[in-house]
């Protein structure tokens, strides 16, 4: 399990750092802003999770290697975007598609990591804590990212995002307590599939649209 968690952490960090860096570039941030937002996207959810679980020093502060990995991904993304800056706007739609794929990979990996860390820290009998830990690990970074660029967090307005994290967390918890070896893989595949299908078919939760004329 430790080896699997390490691989998923690397996958999730690369995916979320790339996702955060692309959003930062599209928002016109400088290189420091790109690196900072990439790291926030990759690690903020895990920091919140660790605080909730009572882990006094969040795990990322004891893992310089994974932090540097996120920084390197962000810098490389910035450099590539700078070199091809004239084509960046032309490729905007393709970039958004790539960003969605990497974001889905990061979400899937981090939800499973969050659930497993909760289980490993004595909460395996508390499904609510386990699922919440998975969800906040997966979506927390994106919430902080969007707040920092002054936009409504993505998970509250577009496609099915947090729901995918919750469903994946529930599946992981149920399979984990049944000691099914493929719990991680099945949960990740479910989350990834939901996110890709939601993006393709524009699935969204119901919301109320109030026209300005109706609001008067």
C-alpha atoms as a PDB file:
ATOM      1  CA  UNK A   1       0.000   0.000   0.000  1.00  0.00           C
ATOM      2  CA  UNK A   2       2.854   2.401   0.810  1.00  0.00           C
ATOM      3  CA  UNK A   3       4.286   1.905  -2.701  1.00  0.00           C
ATOM      4  CA  UNK A   4       0.878   2.463  -4.300  1.00  0.00           C
ATOM      5  CA  UNK A   5       0.322   5.632  -2.262  1.00  0.00           C
ATOM      6  CA  UNK A   6       3.733   6.969  -3.316  1.00  0.00           C
ATOM      7  CA  UNK A   7       2.985   6.371  -7.009  1.00  0.00           C
ATOM      8  CA  UNK A   8      -0.452   7.977  -6.710  1.00  0.00           C
ATOM      9  CA  UNK A   9       1.047  10.948  -4.871  1.00  0.00           C
ATOM     10  CA  UNK A  10       3.502  11.530  -7.712  1.00  0.00           C
ATOM     11  CA  UNK A  11       0.745  11.185 -10.321  1.00  0.00           C
ATOM     12  CA  UNK A  12      -1.602  13.499  -8.442  1.00  0.00           C
ATOM     13  CA  UNK A  13       1.078  16.104  -7.771  1.00  0.00           C
ATOM     14  CA  UNK A  14       2.134  16.285 -11.419  1.00  0.00           C
ATOM     15  CA  UNK A  15      -1.476  16.413 -12.597  1.00  0.00           C
ATOM     16  CA  UNK A  16      -2.638  19.095 -10.146  1.00  0.00           C
ATOM     17  CA  UNK A  17       0.540  21.180 -10.477  1.00  0.00           C
ATOM     18  CA  UNK A  18       0.115  21.203 -14.244  1.00  0.00           C
ATOM     19  CA  UNK A  19      -3.571  22.030 -13.894  1.00  0.00           C
ATOM     20  CA  UNK A  20      -2.856  24.890 -11.482  1.00  0.00           C
ATOM     21  CA  UNK A  21      -0.035  26.242 -13.637  1.00  0.00           C
ATOM     22  CA  UNK A  22      -2.228  26.309 -16.750  1.00  0.00           C
ATOM     23  CA  UNK A  23      -4.993  28.168 -14.905  1.00  0.00           C
ATOM     24  CA  UNK A  24      -2.437  30.655 -13.556  1.00  0.00           C
ATOM     25  CA  UNK A  25      -0.985  31.261 -17.029  1.00  0.00           C
ATOM     26  CA  UNK A  26      -4.454  31.838 -18.476  1.00  0.00           C
ATOM     27  CA  UNK A  27      -5.091  34.317 -15.636  1.00  0.00           C
ATOM     28  CA  UNK A  28      -2.009  36.314 -16.589  1.00  0.00           C
ATOM     29  CA  UNK A  29       0.083  35.631 -13.468  1.00  0.00           C
ATOM     30  CA  UNK A  30       3.866  36.021 -13.458  1.00  0.00           C
ATOM     31  CA  UNK A  31       6.231  33.080 -13.013  1.00  0.00           C
ATOM     32  CA  UNK A  32       6.076  33.269  -9.204  1.00  0.00           C
ATOM     33  CA  UNK A  33       2.289  33.326  -9.356  1.00  0.00           C
ATOM     34  CA  UNK A  34       2.293  30.308 -11.655  1.00  0.00           C
ATOM     35  CA  UNK A  35       4.541  28.310  -9.313  1.00  0.00           C
ATOM     36  CA  UNK A  36       2.619  29.423  -6.218  1.00  0.00           C
ATOM     37  CA  UNK A  37      -0.778  28.566  -7.701  1.00  0.00           C
ATOM     38  CA  UNK A  38       0.500  25.195  -8.929  1.00  0.00           C
ATOM     39  CA  UNK A  39       1.679  24.332  -5.413  1.00  0.00           C
ATOM     40  CA  UNK A  40      -1.570  25.540  -3.850  1.00  0.00           C
ATOM     41  CA  UNK A  41      -3.561  23.386  -6.269  1.00  0.00           C
ATOM     42  CA  UNK A  42      -1.412  20.353  -5.518  1.00  0.00           C
ATOM     43  CA  UNK A  43      -1.099  20.635  -1.733  1.00  0.00           C
ATOM     44  CA  UNK A  44      -3.760  22.855  -0.127  1.00  0.00           C
ATOM     45  CA  UNK A  45      -6.334  20.056   0.046  1.00  0.00           C
ATOM     46  CA  UNK A  46      -3.877  17.739   1.763  1.00  0.00           C
ATOM     47  CA  UNK A  47      -2.963  20.417   4.298  1.00  0.00           C
ATOM     48  CA  UNK A  48      -6.631  20.932   5.211  1.00  0.00           C
ATOM     49  CA  UNK A  49      -7.092  17.154   5.474  1.00  0.00           C
ATOM     50  CA  UNK A  50      -4.155  16.771   7.829  1.00  0.00           C
ATOM     51  CA  UNK A  51      -5.406  19.590  10.056  1.00  0.00           C
ATOM     52  CA  UNK A  52      -8.850  17.937  10.233  1.00  0.00           C
ATOM     53  CA  UNK A  53      -7.276  14.572  11.080  1.00  0.00           C
ATOM     54  CA  UNK A  54      -5.125  16.133  13.806  1.00  0.00           C
ATOM     55  CA  UNK A  55      -1.805  15.580  12.033  1.00  0.00           C
ATOM     56  CA  UNK A  56       0.053  18.473  13.616  1.00  0.00           C
ATOM     57  CA  UNK A  57       2.612  18.982  10.860  1.00  0.00           C
ATOM     58  CA  UNK A  58       0.904  18.462   7.476  1.00  0.00           C
ATOM     59  CA  UNK A  59       2.656  15.756   5.459  1.00  0.00           C
ATOM     60  CA  UNK A  60       3.816  18.047   2.657  1.00  0.00           C
ATOM     61  CA  UNK A  61       6.152  19.929   5.011  1.00  0.00           C
ATOM     62  CA  UNK A  62       8.056  16.703   5.589  1.00  0.00           C
ATOM     63  CA  UNK A  63       8.300  15.853   1.909  1.00  0.00           C
ATOM     64  CA  UNK A  64      10.562  18.344   0.160  1.00  0.00           C
ATOM     65  CA  UNK A  65      10.977  16.067  -2.866  1.00  0.00           C
ATOM     66  CA  UNK A  66       7.301  16.090  -3.809  1.00  0.00           C
ATOM     67  CA  UNK A  67       7.133  19.858  -3.218  1.00  0.00           C
ATOM     68  CA  UNK A  68      10.081  20.400  -5.567  1.00  0.00           C
ATOM     69  CA  UNK A  69       8.395  18.148  -8.127  1.00  0.00           C
ATOM     70  CA  UNK A  70       5.377  20.470  -8.211  1.00  0.00           C
ATOM     71  CA  UNK A  71       7.647  23.500  -8.593  1.00  0.00           C
ATOM     72  CA  UNK A  72       9.566  21.898 -11.468  1.00  0.00           C
ATOM     73  CA  UNK A  73       6.324  20.982 -13.247  1.00  0.00           C
ATOM     74  CA  UNK A  74       5.080  24.563 -12.844  1.00  0.00           C
ATOM     75  CA  UNK A  75       8.314  26.121 -14.135  1.00  0.00           C
ATOM     76  CA  UNK A  76       8.463  23.772 -17.124  1.00  0.00           C
ATOM     77  CA  UNK A  77       4.828  24.546 -17.935  1.00  0.00           C
ATOM     78  CA  UNK A  78       5.576  28.278 -17.759  1.00  0.00           C
ATOM     79  CA  UNK A  79       8.641  27.930 -19.991  1.00  0.00           C
ATOM     80  CA  UNK A  80       6.770  25.914 -22.621  1.00  0.00           C
ATOM     81  CA  UNK A  81       3.841  28.360 -22.549  1.00  0.00           C
ATOM     82  CA  UNK A  82       6.273  31.292 -22.883  1.00  0.00           C
ATOM     83  CA  UNK A  83       8.042  29.741 -25.875  1.00  0.00           C
ATOM     84  CA  UNK A  84       4.736  29.061 -27.613  1.00  0.00           C
ATOM     85  CA  UNK A  85       2.943  32.142 -26.254  1.00  0.00           C
ATOM     86  CA  UNK A  86       1.883  33.334 -29.715  1.00  0.00           C
ATOM     87  CA  UNK A  87      -0.008  30.092 -30.253  1.00  0.00           C
ATOM     88  CA  UNK A  88      -1.327  29.872 -26.699  1.00  0.00           C
ATOM     89  CA  UNK A  89      -4.656  31.563 -27.445  1.00  0.00           C
ATOM     90  CA  UNK A  90      -5.084  29.533 -30.641  1.00  0.00           C
ATOM     91  CA  UNK A  91      -4.585  26.332 -28.634  1.00  0.00           C
ATOM     92  CA  UNK A  92      -6.782  27.469 -25.733  1.00  0.00           C
ATOM     93  CA  UNK A  93      -9.522  24.893 -26.337  1.00  0.00           C
ATOM     94  CA  UNK A  94      -7.023  22.050 -26.662  1.00  0.00           C
ATOM     95  CA  UNK A  95      -5.236  23.259 -23.524  1.00  0.00           C
ATOM     96  CA  UNK A  96      -8.530  23.209 -21.598  1.00  0.00           C
ATOM     97  CA  UNK A  97      -9.099  19.618 -22.744  1.00  0.00           C
ATOM     98  CA  UNK A  98      -5.609  18.611 -21.583  1.00  0.00           C
ATOM     99  CA  UNK A  99      -6.177  20.460 -18.313  1.00  0.00           C
ATOM    100  CA  UNK A 100      -9.442  18.571 -17.720  1.00  0.00           C
ATOM    101  CA  UNK A 101      -7.748  15.208 -18.250  1.00  0.00           C
ATOM    102  CA  UNK A 102      -4.875  15.981 -15.883  1.00  0.00           C
ATOM    103  CA  UNK A 103      -7.280  17.481 -13.364  1.00  0.00           C
ATOM    104  CA  UNK A 104      -9.340  14.277 -13.430  1.00  0.00           C
ATOM    105  CA  UNK A 105      -6.206  12.172 -12.903  1.00  0.00           C
ATOM    106  CA  UNK A 106      -5.159  14.356  -9.977  1.00  0.00           C
ATOM    107  CA  UNK A 107      -8.619  14.222  -8.442  1.00  0.00           C
ATOM    108  CA  UNK A 108      -8.771  10.435  -8.687  1.00  0.00           C
ATOM    109  CA  UNK A 109      -5.320   9.940  -7.165  1.00  0.00           C
ATOM    110  CA  UNK A 110      -5.733  12.454  -4.345  1.00  0.00           C
ATOM    111  CA  UNK A 111      -9.184  11.243  -3.280  1.00  0.00           C
ATOM    112  CA  UNK A 112      -7.803   7.742  -2.783  1.00  0.00           C
ATOM    113  CA  UNK A 113      -4.749   9.097  -0.945  1.00  0.00           C
ATOM    114  CA  UNK A 114      -6.960  11.172   1.351  1.00  0.00           C
ATOM    115  CA  UNK A 115      -9.182   8.198   2.153  1.00  0.00           C
ATOM    116  CA  UNK A 116      -6.236   5.911   2.837  1.00  0.00           C
ATOM    117  CA  UNK A 117      -4.497   8.440   5.100  1.00  0.00           C
ATOM    118  CA  UNK A 118      -7.700   8.723   7.146  1.00  0.00           C
ATOM    119  CA  UNK A 119      -7.878   4.922   7.377  1.00  0.00           C
ATOM    120  CA  UNK A 120      -4.203   4.664   8.347  1.00  0.00           C
ATOM    121  CA  UNK A 121      -4.658   7.238  11.116  1.00  0.00           C
ATOM    122  CA  UNK A 122      -7.316   5.283  12.990  1.00  0.00           C
ATOM    123  CA  UNK A 123     -10.513   6.429  11.264  1.00  0.00           C
ATOM    124  CA  UNK A 124     -11.200   3.269   9.254  1.00  0.00           C
ATOM    125  CA  UNK A 125     -14.423   2.671  11.207  1.00  0.00           C
ATOM    126  CA  UNK A 126     -15.684   6.206  10.519  1.00  0.00           C
ATOM    127  CA  UNK A 127     -16.897   6.345   6.939  1.00  0.00           C
ATOM    128  CA  UNK A 128     -17.826  10.025   7.149  1.00  0.00           C
ATOM    129  CA  UNK A 129     -14.296  11.060   8.096  1.00  0.00           C
ATOM    130  CA  UNK A 130     -12.755   8.788   5.482  1.00  0.00           C
ATOM    131  CA  UNK A 131     -14.928  10.067   2.618  1.00  0.00           C
ATOM    132  CA  UNK A 132     -14.579  13.701   3.737  1.00  0.00           C
ATOM    133  CA  UNK A 133     -10.791  13.318   3.894  1.00  0.00           C
ATOM    134  CA  UNK A 134     -10.748  11.950   0.363  1.00  0.00           C
ATOM    135  CA  UNK A 135     -13.025  14.673  -0.954  1.00  0.00           C
ATOM    136  CA  UNK A 136     -11.171  17.604   0.634  1.00  0.00           C
ATOM    137  CA  UNK A 137      -7.812  16.222  -0.490  1.00  0.00           C
ATOM    138  CA  UNK A 138      -9.138  16.088  -4.030  1.00  0.00           C
ATOM    139  CA  UNK A 139     -11.061  19.363  -4.276  1.00  0.00           C
ATOM    140  CA  UNK A 140      -9.454  21.585  -1.624  1.00  0.00           C
ATOM    141  CA  UNK A 141      -6.553  22.743  -3.759  1.00  0.00           C
ATOM    142  CA  UNK A 142      -8.863  23.716  -6.603  1.00  0.00           C
ATOM    143  CA  UNK A 143     -11.046  25.759  -4.264  1.00  0.00           C
ATOM    144  CA  UNK A 144      -8.058  27.731  -2.947  1.00  0.00           C
ATOM    145  CA  UNK A 145      -6.716  28.132  -6.499  1.00  0.00           C
ATOM    146  CA  UNK A 146      -9.959  29.638  -7.781  1.00  0.00           C
ATOM    147  CA  UNK A 147     -10.348  31.942  -4.771  1.00  0.00           C
ATOM    148  CA  UNK A 148      -6.813  33.269  -5.332  1.00  0.00           C
ATOM    149  CA  UNK A 149      -7.599  34.160  -8.951  1.00  0.00           C
ATOM    150  CA  UNK A 150     -10.868  35.776  -7.842  1.00  0.00           C
ATOM    151  CA  UNK A 151     -13.328  33.395  -9.448  1.00  0.00           C
ATOM    152  CA  UNK A 152     -16.132  31.201  -8.118  1.00  0.00           C
ATOM    153  CA  UNK A 153     -14.608  27.787  -7.343  1.00  0.00           C
ATOM    154  CA  UNK A 154     -15.069  25.417 -10.268  1.00  0.00           C
ATOM    155  CA  UNK A 155     -16.646  22.711  -8.133  1.00  0.00           C
ATOM    156  CA  UNK A 156     -19.609  24.942  -7.225  1.00  0.00           C
ATOM    157  CA  UNK A 157     -20.722  25.844 -10.713  1.00  0.00           C
ATOM    158  CA  UNK A 158     -19.621  23.484 -13.461  1.00  0.00           C
ATOM    159  CA  UNK A 159     -19.850  19.771 -14.188  1.00  0.00           C
ATOM    160  CA  UNK A 160     -19.896  17.060 -11.558  1.00  0.00           C
ATOM    161  CA  UNK A 161     -16.670  17.392  -9.571  1.00  0.00           C
ATOM    162  CA  UNK A 162     -17.128  17.098  -5.816  1.00  0.00           C
ATOM    163  CA  UNK A 163     -19.818  14.457  -6.401  1.00  0.00           C
ATOM    164  CA  UNK A 164     -17.276  12.353  -8.308  1.00  0.00           C
ATOM    165  CA  UNK A 165     -14.886  12.695  -5.364  1.00  0.00           C
ATOM    166  CA  UNK A 166     -17.567  11.698  -2.849  1.00  0.00           C
ATOM    167  CA  UNK A 167     -18.714   8.679  -4.875  1.00  0.00           C
ATOM    168  CA  UNK A 168     -15.123   7.567  -5.371  1.00  0.00           C
ATOM    169  CA  UNK A 169     -14.474   7.956  -1.654  1.00  0.00           C
ATOM    170  CA  UNK A 170     -17.525   5.887  -0.754  1.00  0.00           C
ATOM    171  CA  UNK A 171     -16.491   3.112  -3.148  1.00  0.00           C
ATOM    172  CA  UNK A 172     -12.963   3.129  -1.747  1.00  0.00           C
ATOM    173  CA  UNK A 173     -14.197   2.983   1.855  1.00  0.00           C
ATOM    174  CA  UNK A 174     -16.605   0.104   1.185  1.00  0.00           C
ATOM    175  CA  UNK A 175     -14.011  -1.922  -0.730  1.00  0.00           C
ATOM    176  CA  UNK A 176     -11.276  -1.085   1.785  1.00  0.00           C
ATOM    177  CA  UNK A 177     -13.195  -2.427   4.775  1.00  0.00           C
ATOM    178  CA  UNK A 178     -13.949  -5.536   2.713  1.00  0.00           C
ATOM    179  CA  UNK A 179     -10.161  -5.836   2.174  1.00  0.00           C
ATOM    180  CA  UNK A 180     -10.500  -5.905  -1.605  1.00  0.00           C
ATOM    181  CA  UNK A 181      -7.050  -5.420  -3.115  1.00  0.00           C
ATOM    182  CA  UNK A 182      -8.238  -3.439  -6.125  1.00  0.00           C
ATOM    183  CA  UNK A 183     -10.007  -0.771  -4.036  1.00  0.00           C
ATOM    184  CA  UNK A 184      -7.607   1.987  -5.096  1.00  0.00           C
ATOM    185  CA  UNK A 185      -7.737   1.166  -8.789  1.00  0.00           C
ATOM    186  CA  UNK A 186     -11.516   0.786  -8.951  1.00  0.00           C
ATOM    187  CA  UNK A 187     -12.115   4.004  -7.050  1.00  0.00           C
ATOM    188  CA  UNK A 188      -9.706   5.953  -9.282  1.00  0.00           C
ATOM    189  CA  UNK A 189     -11.264   4.543 -12.452  1.00  0.00           C
ATOM    190  CA  UNK A 190     -14.745   5.505 -11.242  1.00  0.00           C
ATOM    191  CA  UNK A 191     -13.715   9.082 -10.429  1.00  0.00           C
ATOM    192  CA  UNK A 192     -11.859   9.505 -13.721  1.00  0.00           C
ATOM    193  CA  UNK A 193     -14.754   8.062 -15.724  1.00  0.00           C
ATOM    194  CA  UNK A 194     -17.327  10.317 -14.033  1.00  0.00           C
ATOM    195  CA  UNK A 195     -15.202  13.407 -14.648  1.00  0.00           C
ATOM    196  CA  UNK A 196     -14.587  12.581 -18.307  1.00  0.00           C
ATOM    197  CA  UNK A 197     -18.252  11.754 -18.940  1.00  0.00           C
ATOM    198  CA  UNK A 198     -19.373  14.904 -17.108  1.00  0.00           C
ATOM    199  CA  UNK A 199     -17.063  16.985 -19.275  1.00  0.00           C
ATOM    200  CA  UNK A 200     -18.109  15.315 -22.526  1.00  0.00           C
ATOM    201  CA  UNK A 201     -21.852  15.369 -21.888  1.00  0.00           C
ATOM    202  CA  UNK A 202     -21.822  18.578 -19.810  1.00  0.00           C
ATOM    203  CA  UNK A 203     -23.388  16.974 -16.764  1.00  0.00           C
ATOM    204  CA  UNK A 204     -24.089  19.497 -14.022  1.00  0.00           C
ATOM    205  CA  UNK A 205     -26.104  19.595 -10.842  1.00  0.00           C
ATOM    206  CA  UNK A 206     -29.398  21.561 -10.893  1.00  0.00           C
ATOM    207  CA  UNK A 207     -29.129  25.278 -10.222  1.00  0.00           C
ATOM    208  CA  UNK A 208     -31.459  28.256 -10.278  1.00  0.00           C
ATOM    209  CA  UNK A 209     -30.903  30.875 -12.952  1.00  0.00           C
ATOM    210  CA  UNK A 210     -32.396  34.229 -11.975  1.00  0.00           C
ATOM    211  CA  UNK A 211     -32.662  36.822 -14.730  1.00  0.00           C
ATOM    212  CA  UNK A 212     -31.969  40.418 -13.772  1.00  0.00           C
ATOM    213  CA  UNK A 213     -35.565  41.297 -14.668  1.00  0.00           C
ATOM    214  CA  UNK A 214     -36.870  38.668 -12.245  1.00  0.00           C
ATOM    215  CA  UNK A 215     -34.638  39.902  -9.461  1.00  0.00           C
ATOM    216  CA  UNK A 216     -36.241  43.350  -9.401  1.00  0.00           C
END
